[in-house]
Amino acid sequence: MAHGGIPIGEWSGSNATRELHETIKQFNEKTERQTEQMVRLTKVIAWLTSVMLVAVIVQIVLAIKAMTG
């Protein structure tokens, strides 16, 4: 202990620095999981969009064939 009973880790700020590093580590782990989920959702949305595009093209082709003959 230094300076009137204050622990050295508190006096020097090293305890706060360790806590900050731990908080940043936890934050990064959570955001990494969220990023992975967003990438998966984006891939699913892209796949569904391409399926819808094919369906619309088929409908247009069938409508044109019905009008022409």
PDB file of N, CA and C in Angstrom:
ATOM      1  N   MET A   1       0.833  -1.181   0.000  1.00  0.00           N
ATOM      2  CA  MET A   1       0.000   0.000   0.000  1.00  0.00           C
ATOM      3  C   MET A   1       0.876   1.242   0.000  1.00  0.00           C
ATOM      4  N   ALA A   2       0.380   2.215  -0.715  1.00  0.00           N
ATOM      5  CA  ALA A   2       1.141   3.449  -0.798  1.00  0.00           C
ATOM      6  C   ALA A   2       0.211   4.635  -0.570  1.00  0.00           C
ATOM      7  N   HIS A   3       0.739   5.689  -0.074  1.00  0.00           N
ATOM      8  CA  HIS A   3       0.024   6.954   0.085  1.00  0.00           C
ATOM      9  C   HIS A   3      -1.271   6.808   0.884  1.00  0.00           C
ATOM     10  N   GLY A   4      -1.175   6.527   2.127  1.00  0.00           N
ATOM     11  CA  GLY A   4      -2.328   6.543   3.019  1.00  0.00           C
ATOM     12  C   GLY A   4      -3.274   5.371   2.869  1.00  0.00           C
ATOM     13  N   GLY A   5      -2.804   4.203   2.533  1.00  0.00           N
ATOM     14  CA  GLY A   5      -3.656   3.032   2.491  1.00  0.00           C
ATOM     15  C   GLY A   5      -4.320   2.761   1.156  1.00  0.00           C
ATOM     16  N   ILE A   6      -4.020   3.490   0.124  1.00  0.00           N
ATOM     17  CA  ILE A   6      -4.594   3.237  -1.200  1.00  0.00           C
ATOM     18  C   ILE A   6      -3.773   2.145  -1.873  1.00  0.00           C
ATOM     19  N   PRO A   7      -4.403   1.075  -2.325  1.00  0.00           N
ATOM     20  CA  PRO A   7      -3.656   0.004  -3.007  1.00  0.00           C
ATOM     21  C   PRO A   7      -2.924   0.553  -4.228  1.00  0.00           C
ATOM     22  N   ILE A   8      -1.745  -0.008  -4.500  1.00  0.00           N
ATOM     23  CA  ILE A   8      -0.904   0.489  -5.592  1.00  0.00           C
ATOM     24  C   ILE A   8      -1.592   0.359  -6.943  1.00  0.00           C
ATOM     25  N   GLY A   9      -2.397  -0.701  -7.124  1.00  0.00           N
ATOM     26  CA  GLY A   9      -3.101  -0.866  -8.398  1.00  0.00           C
ATOM     27  C   GLY A   9      -4.121   0.230  -8.631  1.00  0.00           C
ATOM     28  N   GLU A  10      -4.725   0.681  -7.551  1.00  0.00           N
ATOM     29  CA  GLU A  10      -5.696   1.773  -7.670  1.00  0.00           C
ATOM     30  C   GLU A  10      -4.985   3.105  -7.838  1.00  0.00           C
ATOM     31  N   TRP A  11      -3.889   3.261  -7.129  1.00  0.00           N
ATOM     32  CA  TRP A  11      -3.134   4.513  -7.195  1.00  0.00           C
ATOM     33  C   TRP A  11      -2.550   4.729  -8.590  1.00  0.00           C
ATOM     34  N   SER A  12      -2.017   3.675  -9.169  1.00  0.00           N
ATOM     35  CA  SER A  12      -1.363   3.811 -10.469  1.00  0.00           C
ATOM     36  C   SER A  12      -2.346   3.728 -11.633  1.00  0.00           C
ATOM     37  N   GLY A  13      -3.551   3.231 -11.380  1.00  0.00           N
ATOM     38  CA  GLY A  13      -4.533   3.108 -12.447  1.00  0.00           C
ATOM     39  C   GLY A  13      -4.473   1.772 -13.169  1.00  0.00           C
ATOM     40  N   SER A  14      -3.597   0.882 -12.723  1.00  0.00           N
ATOM     41  CA  SER A  14      -3.458  -0.397 -13.431  1.00  0.00           C
ATOM     42  C   SER A  14      -4.703  -1.266 -13.275  1.00  0.00           C
ATOM     43  N   ASN A  15      -5.388  -1.169 -12.134  1.00  0.00           N
ATOM     44  CA  ASN A  15      -6.638  -1.926 -11.974  1.00  0.00           C
ATOM     45  C   ASN A  15      -7.675  -1.471 -12.994  1.00  0.00           C
ATOM     46  N   ALA A  16      -7.793  -0.170 -13.170  1.00  0.00           N
ATOM     47  CA  ALA A  16      -8.756   0.371 -14.131  1.00  0.00           C
ATOM     48  C   ALA A  16      -8.385  -0.042 -15.550  1.00  0.00           C
ATOM     49  N   THR A  17      -7.099  -0.066 -15.828  1.00  0.00           N
ATOM     50  CA  THR A  17      -6.645  -0.469 -17.164  1.00  0.00           C
ATOM     51  C   THR A  17      -6.992  -1.927 -17.430  1.00  0.00           C
ATOM     52  N   ARG A  18      -6.788  -2.797 -16.433  1.00  0.00           N
ATOM     53  CA  ARG A  18      -7.152  -4.212 -16.598  1.00  0.00           C
ATOM     54  C   ARG A  18      -8.651  -4.357 -16.812  1.00  0.00           C
ATOM     55  N   GLU A  19      -9.446  -3.642 -16.056  1.00  0.00           N
ATOM     56  CA  GLU A  19     -10.898  -3.718 -16.218  1.00  0.00           C
ATOM     57  C   GLU A  19     -11.318  -3.225 -17.596  1.00  0.00           C
ATOM     58  N   LEU A  20     -10.673  -2.174 -18.069  1.00  0.00           N
ATOM     59  CA  LEU A  20     -10.981  -1.655 -19.406  1.00  0.00           C
ATOM     60  C   LEU A  20     -10.646  -2.680 -20.477  1.00  0.00           C
ATOM     61  N   HIS A  21      -9.503  -3.334 -20.360  1.00  0.00           N
ATOM     62  CA  HIS A  21      -9.124  -4.367 -21.326  1.00  0.00           C
ATOM     63  C   HIS A  21     -10.141  -5.517 -21.317  1.00  0.00           C
ATOM     64  N   GLU A  22     -10.594  -5.920 -20.153  1.00  0.00           N
ATOM     65  CA  GLU A  22     -11.579  -6.999 -20.053  1.00  0.00           C
ATOM     66  C   GLU A  22     -12.909  -6.577 -20.685  1.00  0.00           C
ATOM     67  N   THR A  23     -13.310  -5.344 -20.432  1.00  0.00           N
ATOM     68  CA  THR A  23     -14.557  -4.839 -21.012  1.00  0.00           C
ATOM     69  C   THR A  23     -14.475  -4.801 -22.536  1.00  0.00           C
ATOM     70  N   ILE A  24     -13.356  -4.342 -23.058  1.00  0.00           N
ATOM     71  CA  ILE A  24     -13.167  -4.287 -24.516  1.00  0.00           C
ATOM     72  C   ILE A  24     -13.189  -5.696 -25.102  1.00  0.00           C
ATOM     73  N   LYS A  25     -12.568  -6.653 -24.414  1.00  0.00           N
ATOM     74  CA  LYS A  25     -12.553  -8.038 -24.883  1.00  0.00           C
ATOM     75  C   LYS A  25     -13.970  -8.600 -24.945  1.00  0.00           C
ATOM     76  N   GLN A  26     -14.762  -8.376 -23.903  1.00  0.00           N
ATOM     77  CA  GLN A  26     -16.147  -8.858 -23.886  1.00  0.00           C
ATOM     78  C   GLN A  26     -16.968  -8.199 -24.987  1.00  0.00           C
ATOM     79  N   PHE A  27     -16.775  -6.899 -25.177  1.00  0.00           N
ATOM     80  CA  PHE A  27     -17.499  -6.175 -26.228  1.00  0.00           C
ATOM     81  C   PHE A  27     -17.170  -6.751 -27.598  1.00  0.00           C
ATOM     82  N   ASN A  28     -15.888  -7.012 -27.853  1.00  0.00           N
ATOM     83  CA  ASN A  28     -15.475  -7.559 -29.146  1.00  0.00           C
ATOM     84  C   ASN A  28     -16.064  -8.939 -29.392  1.00  0.00           C
ATOM     85  N   GLU A  29     -16.144  -9.765 -28.355  1.00  0.00           N
ATOM     86  CA  GLU A  29     -16.731 -11.094 -28.508  1.00  0.00           C
ATOM     87  C   GLU A  29     -18.213 -11.001 -28.874  1.00  0.00           C
ATOM     88  N   LYS A  30     -18.934 -10.101 -28.228  1.00  0.00           N
ATOM     89  CA  LYS A  30     -20.362  -9.952 -28.527  1.00  0.00           C
ATOM     90  C   LYS A  30     -20.574  -9.397 -29.932  1.00  0.00           C
ATOM     91  N   THR A  31     -19.801  -8.400 -30.314  1.00  0.00           N
ATOM     92  CA  THR A  31     -19.984  -7.827 -31.646  1.00  0.00           C
ATOM     93  C   THR A  31     -19.578  -8.816 -32.735  1.00  0.00           C
ATOM     94  N   GLU A  32     -18.620  -9.686 -32.444  1.00  0.00           N
ATOM     95  CA  GLU A  32     -18.230 -10.707 -33.422  1.00  0.00           C
ATOM     96  C   GLU A  32     -19.392 -11.658 -33.691  1.00  0.00           C
ATOM     97  N   ARG A  33     -20.077 -12.068 -32.633  1.00  0.00           N
ATOM     98  CA  ARG A  33     -21.237 -12.960 -32.810  1.00  0.00           C
ATOM     99  C   ARG A  33     -22.342 -12.247 -33.588  1.00  0.00           C
ATOM    100  N   GLN A  34     -22.573 -10.987 -33.277  1.00  0.00           N
ATOM    101  CA  GLN A  34     -23.605 -10.238 -33.993  1.00  0.00           C
ATOM    102  C   GLN A  34     -23.240 -10.080 -35.465  1.00  0.00           C
ATOM    103  N   THR A  35     -21.981  -9.855 -35.744  1.00  0.00           N
ATOM    104  CA  THR A  35     -21.534  -9.711 -37.134  1.00  0.00           C
ATOM    105  C   THR A  35     -21.749 -11.008 -37.901  1.00  0.00           C
ATOM    106  N   GLU A  36     -21.435 -12.142 -37.273  1.00  0.00           N
ATOM    107  CA  GLU A  36     -21.655 -13.435 -37.930  1.00  0.00           C
ATOM    108  C   GLU A  36     -23.135 -13.648 -38.237  1.00  0.00           C
ATOM    109  N   GLN A  37     -24.001 -13.273 -37.315  1.00  0.00           N
ATOM    110  CA  GLN A  37     -25.442 -13.406 -37.554  1.00  0.00           C
ATOM    111  C   GLN A  37     -25.887 -12.505 -38.697  1.00  0.00           C
ATOM    112  N   MET A  38     -25.371 -11.298 -38.748  1.00  0.00           N
ATOM    113  CA  MET A  38     -25.749 -10.381 -39.824  1.00  0.00           C
ATOM    114  C   MET A  38     -25.290 -10.905 -41.183  1.00  0.00           C
ATOM    115  N   VAL A  39     -24.120 -11.502 -41.239  1.00  0.00           N
ATOM    116  CA  VAL A  39     -23.623 -12.063 -42.499  1.00  0.00           C
ATOM    117  C   VAL A  39     -24.526 -13.201 -42.945  1.00  0.00           C
ATOM    118  N   ARG A  40     -24.907 -14.081 -42.007  1.00  0.00           N
ATOM    119  CA  ARG A  40     -25.812 -15.187 -42.353  1.00  0.00           C
ATOM    120  C   ARG A  40     -27.155 -14.654 -42.850  1.00  0.00           C
ATOM    121  N   LEU A  41     -27.709 -13.676 -42.159  1.00  0.00           N
ATOM    122  CA  LEU A  41     -28.991 -13.113 -42.580  1.00  0.00           C
ATOM    123  C   LEU A  41     -28.885 -12.454 -43.955  1.00  0.00           C
ATOM    124  N   THR A  42     -27.787 -11.785 -44.209  1.00  0.00           N
ATOM    125  CA  THR A  42     -27.591 -11.145 -45.508  1.00  0.00           C
ATOM    126  C   THR A  42     -27.534 -12.189 -46.618  1.00  0.00           C
ATOM    127  N   LYS A  43     -26.866 -13.300 -46.363  1.00  0.00           N
ATOM    128  CA  LYS A  43     -26.806 -14.376 -47.367  1.00  0.00           C
ATOM    129  C   LYS A  43     -28.191 -14.960 -47.622  1.00  0.00           C
ATOM    130  N   VAL A  44     -28.978 -15.144 -46.577  1.00  0.00           N
ATOM    131  CA  VAL A  44     -30.340 -15.674 -46.743  1.00  0.00           C
ATOM    132  C   VAL A  44     -31.187 -14.700 -47.545  1.00  0.00           C
ATOM    133  N   ILE A  45     -31.081 -13.422 -47.245  1.00  0.00           N
ATOM    134  CA  ILE A  45     -31.854 -12.412 -47.977  1.00  0.00           C
ATOM    135  C   ILE A  45     -31.440 -12.390 -49.444  1.00  0.00           C
ATOM    136  N   ALA A  46     -30.149 -12.499 -49.723  1.00  0.00           N
ATOM    137  CA  ALA A  46     -29.679 -12.523 -51.119  1.00  0.00           C
ATOM    138  C   ALA A  46     -30.224 -13.744 -51.846  1.00  0.00           C
ATOM    139  N   TRP A  47     -30.237 -14.895 -51.187  1.00  0.00           N
ATOM    140  CA  TRP A  47     -30.763 -16.114 -51.799  1.00  0.00           C
ATOM    141  C   TRP A  47     -32.253 -15.955 -52.085  1.00  0.00           C
ATOM    142  N   LEU A  48     -33.015 -15.450 -51.125  1.00  0.00           N
ATOM    143  CA  LEU A  48     -34.455 -15.264 -51.325  1.00  0.00           C
ATOM    144  C   LEU A  48     -34.731 -14.258 -52.441  1.00  0.00           C
ATOM    145  N   THR A  49     -33.919 -13.229 -52.537  1.00  0.00           N
ATOM    146  CA  THR A  49     -34.077 -12.242 -53.600  1.00  0.00           C
ATOM    147  C   THR A  49     -33.857 -12.878 -54.966  1.00  0.00           C
ATOM    148  N   SER A  50     -32.855 -13.733 -55.081  1.00  0.00           N
ATOM    149  CA  SER A  50     -32.608 -14.383 -56.370  1.00  0.00           C
ATOM    150  C   SER A  50     -33.741 -15.342 -56.724  1.00  0.00           C
ATOM    151  N   VAL A  51     -34.300 -16.033 -55.735  1.00  0.00           N
ATOM    152  CA  VAL A  51     -35.448 -16.912 -55.995  1.00  0.00           C
ATOM    153  C   VAL A  51     -36.639 -16.080 -56.483  1.00  0.00           C
ATOM    154  N   MET A  52     -36.877 -14.954 -55.841  1.00  0.00           N
ATOM    155  CA  MET A  52     -37.988 -14.089 -56.273  1.00  0.00           C
ATOM    156  C   MET A  52     -37.757 -13.561 -57.690  1.00  0.00           C
ATOM    157  N   LEU A  53     -36.519 -13.225 -58.013  1.00  0.00           N
ATOM    158  CA  LEU A  53     -36.206 -12.721 -59.349  1.00  0.00           C
ATOM    159  C   LEU A  53     -36.508 -13.777 -60.412  1.00  0.00           C
ATOM    160  N   VAL A  54     -36.134 -15.008 -60.148  1.00  0.00           N
ATOM    161  CA  VAL A  54     -36.428 -16.091 -61.090  1.00  0.00           C
ATOM    162  C   VAL A  54     -37.936 -16.251 -61.248  1.00  0.00           C
ATOM    163  N   ALA A  55     -38.672 -16.213 -60.133  1.00  0.00           N
ATOM    164  CA  ALA A  55     -40.127 -16.357 -60.195  1.00  0.00           C
ATOM    165  C   ALA A  55     -40.760 -15.232 -61.016  1.00  0.00           C
ATOM    166  N   VAL A  56     -40.284 -14.012 -60.863  1.00  0.00           N
ATOM    167  CA  VAL A  56     -40.831 -12.885 -61.628  1.00  0.00           C
ATOM    168  C   VAL A  56     -40.524 -13.044 -63.111  1.00  0.00           C
ATOM    169  N   ILE A  57     -39.325 -13.478 -63.430  1.00  0.00           N
ATOM    170  CA  ILE A  57     -38.973 -13.674 -64.845  1.00  0.00           C
ATOM    171  C   ILE A  57     -39.852 -14.754 -65.462  1.00  0.00           C
ATOM    172  N   VAL A  58     -40.104 -15.832 -64.745  1.00  0.00           N
ATOM    173  CA  VAL A  58     -40.981 -16.896 -65.248  1.00  0.00           C
ATOM    174  C   VAL A  58     -42.385 -16.348 -65.474  1.00  0.00           C
ATOM    175  N   GLN A  59     -42.884 -15.560 -64.544  1.00  0.00           N
ATOM    176  CA  GLN A  59     -44.226 -14.981 -64.706  1.00  0.00           C
ATOM    177  C   GLN A  59     -44.300 -14.059 -65.914  1.00  0.00           C
ATOM    178  N   ILE A  60     -43.258 -13.272 -66.132  1.00  0.00           N
ATOM    179  CA  ILE A  60     -43.247 -12.370 -67.288  1.00  0.00           C
ATOM    180  C   ILE A  60     -43.245 -13.177 -68.582  1.00  0.00           C
ATOM    181  N   VAL A  61     -42.425 -14.205 -68.626  1.00  0.00           N
ATOM    182  CA  VAL A  61     -42.361 -15.048 -69.830  1.00  0.00           C
ATOM    183  C   VAL A  61     -43.720 -15.703 -70.084  1.00  0.00           C
ATOM    184  N   LEU A  62     -44.372 -16.242 -69.052  1.00  0.00           N
ATOM    185  CA  LEU A  62     -45.678 -16.864 -69.226  1.00  0.00           C
ATOM    186  C   LEU A  62     -46.738 -15.843 -69.662  1.00  0.00           C
ATOM    187  N   ALA A  63     -46.660 -14.625 -69.133  1.00  0.00           N
ATOM    188  CA  ALA A  63     -47.627 -13.606 -69.520  1.00  0.00           C
ATOM    189  C   ALA A  63     -47.437 -13.201 -70.993  1.00  0.00           C
ATOM    190  N   ILE A  64     -46.190 -13.098 -71.424  1.00  0.00           N
ATOM    191  CA  ILE A  64     -45.940 -12.745 -72.823  1.00  0.00           C
ATOM    192  C   ILE A  64     -46.408 -13.865 -73.748  1.00  0.00           C
ATOM    193  N   LYS A  65     -46.167 -15.115 -73.390  1.00  0.00           N
ATOM    194  CA  LYS A  65     -46.632 -16.232 -74.212  1.00  0.00           C
ATOM    195  C   LYS A  65     -48.146 -16.270 -74.278  1.00  0.00           C
ATOM    196  N   ALA A  66     -48.823 -15.960 -73.172  1.00  0.00           N
ATOM    197  CA  ALA A  66     -50.294 -15.974 -73.149  1.00  0.00           C
ATOM    198  C   ALA A  66     -50.856 -14.875 -74.037  1.00  0.00           C
ATOM    199  N   MET A  67     -50.196 -13.728 -74.100  1.00  0.00           N
ATOM    200  CA  MET A  67     -50.691 -12.627 -74.929  1.00  0.00           C
ATOM    201  C   MET A  67     -50.438 -12.886 -76.409  1.00  0.00           C
ATOM    202  N   THR A  68     -49.375 -13.562 -76.743  1.00  0.00           N
ATOM    203  CA  THR A  68     -49.035 -13.759 -78.153  1.00  0.00           C
ATOM    204  C   THR A  68     -49.638 -15.020 -78.746  1.00  0.00           C
ATOM    205  N   GLY A  69     -50.137 -15.867 -77.947  1.00  0.00           N
ATOM    206  CA  GLY A  69     -50.670 -16.972 -78.655  1.00  0.00           C
ATOM    207  C   GLY A  69     -50.996 -18.174 -77.943  1.00  0.00           C
TER     208      GLY A  69
END
